[in-house]
């Protein structure tokens, strides 16, 4: 089966997809030199140089400084060739990867097939702490055919393998690497300093395989958890780029005259999690009652100042090609909420609801739910937790709480990581055999129309039955000094899908 460019970068069509992801040069050519400091929204002792363990935006940006994948994403979120010179498959089960010639690690050694085999297989090892182990388990075997050739055999057909391999967790490291106090990758910057919870400093890799890249002499990455402090650091000149700007700060940044915003509609969402293994959150009537309690228009308008897109309780945003547009849009309906709560056997005492600034917008959403809940017989006790430690201490640990999920490049990935019955990040503990079968069917389906039909049914099942509510998809807002050039939106995350390091330059 021959797949379209939309679905893969495979055989004949893929062979020509070797161009670099070049900036749109409207008024200026890239300039070499200079230093930029970028601030993400978190930094802790859990910071890591191991791509397999990346969990937050700061990790993803850090790993893009020092490593590369076999493929990468273009500005439309589609895969293109990176460390791979070609990537071919006749049946989407057995894939052949041919590596670029002459790519070197930072220690001077040459990239070989053994490095690829080691990097991919380690993701299946529980001891690696891999965040994508369920996805990597699709690889039945990975073996070196020759020094530049790798064969990947999947457990079943998956047309999305090129997109999967572009994720930062699948970046290639040197074979045998066990210790990550220093990064040894093929990426645009060499690691000069790494202090977990403090800073990461990279200097230009003069041997980078992409000629002329990177443009910067050096790049520093730090974390500033508080959004106000992050914006203050930007406007004062202490940093040159900040991620996750609150809509309330956009006017202040634009009116500075020296700074601007990068606006990126995305699949990022903050969701209400209702655990199926607890009461009353495991009751289907409770789940439906909560989904009818969301005032989505209010959340979009007041909480995010229209920097958001209305959601319908499943993780596929309206601008995704697989989005099912004919599903009835769920809206605020107090009568329906009251009806379902009456059937859900609510407790007489207030039900704890956990939120945190770490889950963007969740604190305000919790207040809105508490207000509307009081009108229909639901008592909620809002527990606001600090951002620090929220994901390790509270996320998925309570019957009722909030999560926050970064955009994923494919429908298969978001469904596999967060909704499959056996997924480690199956937030509500939801299980549906029909959904799991459809997930496998969609992976093997090369026909776009048929695949869209399958994903459409999966969206319907999740919206109707899963214990998560997704009111809106959040538009990403980054702030930057106008002297930073080369930035453009990529819907897979802030800071150009976290892959800005090799693409930006400084015109100071």
Foldseek 3Di string as FASTA:
>chain_A
DDFDQQLALADPNVLPQPDDQAFDCPDDDFAFEDEFEEAEADFALPAFCQLQQDDDLLNLLNLLQAFFFQWAAHQQLGIHGDQFSHWYDDQQFKIKTFGDPPQAWLVGDTQWLLQLQQLLVVSCPVVVNGLCNLVSQQFPHWDHPDRGMIMTGGPAHFSRVSSVRNGSSNTTAGPPDDDTCAGTYRHQWGWPDDDGRAKTKTAGDPSRPPPPWFRYRMYMYHYHNDQVVQVVCCLVVVGFKYWFHALVCQVVQVVSVFKHKFWFFALKFKKKFAALVDPLSVPLLQLVLLQLLDALVCCCCPRRVVQWAFDQQFRDGPVDPLDDPPDDRRHNDLVSSLVSVVVSPADPDADEEEEEVLRPSFVVRLVSSCVSCVVRVHHHDYDYDYNVCCCVPPQLPGSIYMDIDFGRSDPLVVCSQAPDQPHPNVSRNDYDPVLNVLSSVLRSDSDPVVSSVSVNVNRVCSSSGRRMHTGIRGIIMMMGGPQKDQDHHRRRGPCNVSNVRTGIHGDD
